[in-house]
Amino acid sequence: VLDTLKKFADQTNKRESSDFNKLMRQLIVAGGTVVALGHTNKNPGTNGKSVHAGTSDIVDDFDCAHMLGKIGEEAGLVTVQFERMKSRGSVADKVAYQYVNTRGCTYEDLLLSVTEVQPDVLDQRQVKAAMLQDDEIIRIAKTEISGGALGKMTLAANISQQAGCPRAKAISI
């Protein structure tokens, strides 16, 4: 388990990434498994999702890649989702987990609290979260319009900034 990958190879350097990936492939061919944790860019992509930081070589050369993102937090219960970016095998598209993260919680307590979230429960939570974000975007839009926001693109930019959502989502709503 490499936590984090940048401590072992410079992900922004194509040569170093390539050399590192060759070493990891030797380990895998010998029967090993590599779990490498990486970072994302500070700003999300145009689709609102996190973007892998560094060269594409890491994702290109590894057999499987997932993006981890926090999708909810309520009363100290955190929900995260792994979304598959790449797979060379039979791997689920998405899987989610919950864990308790409250003040005074030990690391052992946190680890022991991890549970898988079933897909049907996850879908219901995502729909609810999307509806809440839509409500927030509509509220911001109403405020901006009543405040005299001029033009569709200015309105979308203001909503995007305040709601923390992509402009395309602000426009569609």
Protein backbone atom coordinates (compact mmCIF):
# COMPACT_ATOMS: atom_id res chain seq x y z
CA VAL A 1 0.00 0.00 0.00
CA LEU A 2 1.58 3.23 -1.19
CA ASP A 3 0.25 6.19 0.78
CA THR A 4 0.64 8.41 -1.12
CA LEU A 5 2.01 7.64 -4.55
CA LYS A 6 3.79 11.00 -4.86
CA LYS A 7 6.18 9.86 -2.08
CA PHE A 8 7.42 7.08 -4.37
CA ALA A 9 7.41 8.67 -7.82
CA ASP A 10 6.98 12.15 -9.29
CA GLN A 11 3.62 11.83 -11.03
CA THR A 12 4.20 14.99 -13.05
CA ASN A 13 7.36 13.58 -14.64
CA LYS A 14 6.56 11.19 -17.51
CA ARG A 15 9.97 9.47 -17.43
CA GLU A 16 9.90 8.89 -13.68
CA SER A 17 6.26 7.71 -13.82
CA SER A 18 7.10 5.30 -16.62
CA ASP A 19 10.14 3.88 -14.78
CA PHE A 20 8.09 3.49 -11.60
CA ASN A 21 5.27 1.75 -13.46
CA LYS A 22 7.74 -0.75 -14.95
CA LEU A 23 8.91 -1.65 -11.42
CA MET A 24 5.32 -2.06 -10.25
CA ARG A 25 4.56 -4.31 -13.25
CA GLN A 26 7.50 -6.57 -12.25
CA LEU A 27 6.04 -6.88 -8.76
CA ILE A 28 2.59 -7.71 -10.16
CA VAL A 29 3.95 -10.31 -12.59
CA ALA A 30 5.66 -11.94 -9.59
CA GLY A 31 2.25 -12.25 -7.88
CA GLY A 32 2.18 -9.04 -5.86
CA THR A 33 -0.55 -6.46 -5.54
CA VAL A 34 -0.06 -2.70 -5.47
CA VAL A 35 -2.59 -0.35 -3.93
CA ALA A 36 -1.50 3.20 -4.62
CA LEU A 37 -3.29 6.22 -3.20
CA GLY A 38 -3.00 9.40 -5.24
CA HIS A 39 -4.21 12.96 -5.26
CA THR A 40 -6.66 14.97 -7.33
CA ASN A 41 -6.45 18.46 -8.74
CA LYS A 42 -7.85 21.23 -6.55
CA ASN A 43 -10.54 22.13 -9.07
CA PRO A 44 -13.06 19.60 -10.38
CA GLY A 45 -13.48 18.87 -14.09
CA THR A 46 -16.25 20.36 -16.21
CA ASN A 47 -18.50 17.48 -15.13
CA GLY A 48 -18.05 18.50 -11.48
CA LYS A 49 -16.05 15.38 -10.62
CA SER A 50 -12.54 15.18 -9.22
CA VAL A 51 -9.66 14.93 -11.69
CA HIS A 52 -6.59 12.72 -11.19
CA ALA A 53 -3.46 14.80 -10.54
CA GLY A 54 -0.33 14.05 -12.54
CA THR A 55 0.40 12.44 -15.86
CA SER A 56 -1.98 9.92 -17.38
CA ASP A 57 0.76 7.25 -17.22
CA ILE A 58 -0.23 6.09 -13.74
CA VAL A 59 -3.85 5.41 -14.68
CA ASP A 60 -2.86 4.12 -18.13
CA ASP A 61 -0.37 1.57 -16.79
CA PHE A 62 -2.22 0.35 -13.70
CA ASP A 63 -4.77 -2.44 -14.09
CA CYS A 64 -7.52 -0.71 -12.17
CA ALA A 65 -8.21 2.85 -11.03
CA HIS A 66 -10.96 4.30 -8.87
CA MET A 67 -11.77 7.86 -7.87
CA LEU A 68 -12.77 8.24 -4.24
CA GLY A 69 -15.08 11.05 -3.26
CA LYS A 70 -17.08 12.05 -0.21
CA ILE A 71 -20.74 12.05 -1.15
CA GLY A 72 -22.30 12.82 2.20
CA GLU A 73 -21.87 13.55 5.86
CA GLU A 74 -24.63 13.55 8.40
CA ALA A 75 -24.37 13.48 12.19
CA GLY A 76 -20.79 12.19 12.14
CA LEU A 77 -21.56 9.48 9.58
CA VAL A 78 -19.44 9.97 6.45
CA THR A 79 -20.34 8.33 3.13
CA VAL A 80 -17.70 7.89 0.44
CA GLN A 81 -17.91 6.36 -3.00
CA PHE A 82 -15.32 4.63 -5.16
CA GLU A 83 -16.11 5.18 -8.84
CA ARG A 84 -14.25 3.05 -11.37
CA MET A 85 -12.18 4.99 -13.90
CA LYS A 86 -10.48 1.97 -15.44
CA SER A 87 -10.53 -1.79 -15.08
CA ARG A 88 -8.93 -4.79 -16.71
CA GLY A 89 -11.26 -7.22 -15.03
CA SER A 90 -14.61 -7.73 -13.41
CA VAL A 91 -14.82 -4.74 -11.06
CA ALA A 92 -17.94 -2.91 -9.88
CA ASP A 93 -18.61 0.50 -11.46
CA LYS A 94 -19.34 2.07 -8.08
CA VAL A 95 -19.15 1.00 -4.46
CA ALA A 96 -19.79 3.08 -1.37
CA TYR A 97 -18.89 2.85 2.28
CA GLN A 98 -19.80 4.66 5.47
CA TYR A 99 -17.79 5.27 8.59
CA VAL A 100 -18.26 7.11 11.84
CA ASN A 101 -16.05 10.16 12.25
CA THR A 102 -16.97 11.99 15.43
CA ARG A 103 -14.92 14.06 17.83
CA GLY A 104 -12.93 11.80 20.14
CA CYS A 105 -13.27 8.79 17.84
CA THR A 106 -10.06 6.74 17.77
CA TYR A 107 -8.53 5.54 14.51
CA GLU A 108 -9.40 1.96 15.50
CA ASP A 109 -13.03 2.97 16.14
CA LEU A 110 -13.11 4.67 12.75
CA LEU A 111 -11.77 1.56 10.97
CA LEU A 112 -14.12 -0.77 12.83
CA SER A 113 -17.10 1.41 11.88
CA VAL A 114 -16.62 1.01 8.12
CA THR A 115 -19.61 -0.62 6.44
CA GLU A 116 -20.61 -1.05 2.81
CA VAL A 117 -23.60 0.95 1.59
CA GLN A 118 -25.93 -1.15 -0.53
CA PRO A 119 -26.53 0.22 -4.06
CA ASP A 120 -30.27 0.81 -3.59
CA VAL A 121 -29.67 2.81 -0.39
CA LEU A 122 -26.89 4.75 -2.10
CA ASP A 123 -29.11 5.61 -5.07
CA GLN A 124 -31.80 6.96 -2.73
CA ARG A 125 -29.25 9.11 -0.88
CA GLN A 126 -27.80 10.46 -4.13
CA VAL A 127 -31.24 11.42 -5.41
CA LYS A 128 -31.99 13.20 -2.12
CA ALA A 129 -28.61 15.00 -2.18
CA ALA A 130 -29.14 16.07 -5.82
CA MET A 131 -32.59 17.42 -4.95
CA LEU A 132 -31.15 19.40 -2.04
CA GLN A 133 -28.44 20.87 -4.29
CA ASP A 134 -31.06 21.71 -6.93
CA ASP A 135 -33.12 23.49 -4.27
CA GLU A 136 -30.04 25.47 -3.23
CA ILE A 137 -29.28 26.42 -6.84
CA ILE A 138 -32.89 27.54 -7.37
CA ARG A 139 -32.76 29.61 -4.17
CA ILE A 140 -29.52 31.29 -5.28
CA ALA A 141 -30.97 31.90 -8.77
CA LYS A 142 -34.05 33.59 -7.30
CA THR A 143 -31.87 35.80 -5.12
CA GLU A 144 -29.59 36.72 -8.03
CA ILE A 145 -32.52 37.49 -10.35
CA SER A 146 -34.30 39.62 -7.76
CA GLY A 147 -30.96 41.40 -7.15
CA GLY A 148 -30.74 42.30 -10.82
CA ALA A 149 -28.28 39.73 -12.22
CA LEU A 150 -27.92 40.50 -15.92
CA GLY A 151 -27.79 37.83 -18.57
CA LYS A 152 -27.84 34.06 -18.53
CA MET A 153 -24.06 33.58 -18.41
CA THR A 154 -23.55 36.09 -15.60
CA LEU A 155 -26.34 34.43 -13.66
CA ALA A 156 -24.83 30.99 -14.27
CA ALA A 157 -21.36 32.18 -13.19
CA ASN A 158 -22.73 33.68 -9.98
CA ILE A 159 -24.75 30.55 -9.16
CA SER A 160 -21.80 28.28 -9.96
CA GLN A 161 -19.54 30.23 -7.64
CA GLN A 162 -22.02 30.39 -4.76
CA ALA A 163 -23.33 26.83 -5.00
CA GLY A 164 -19.99 25.23 -5.86
CA CYS A 165 -21.43 23.50 -8.91
CA PRO A 166 -20.40 23.45 -12.58
CA ARG A 167 -21.82 26.26 -14.74
CA ALA A 168 -23.46 23.70 -17.00
CA LYS A 169 -25.51 22.41 -14.05
CA ALA A 170 -26.50 25.96 -13.06
CA ILE A 171 -27.62 26.63 -16.64
CA SER A 172 -29.61 23.39 -16.91
CA ILE A 173 -31.45 24.03 -13.66
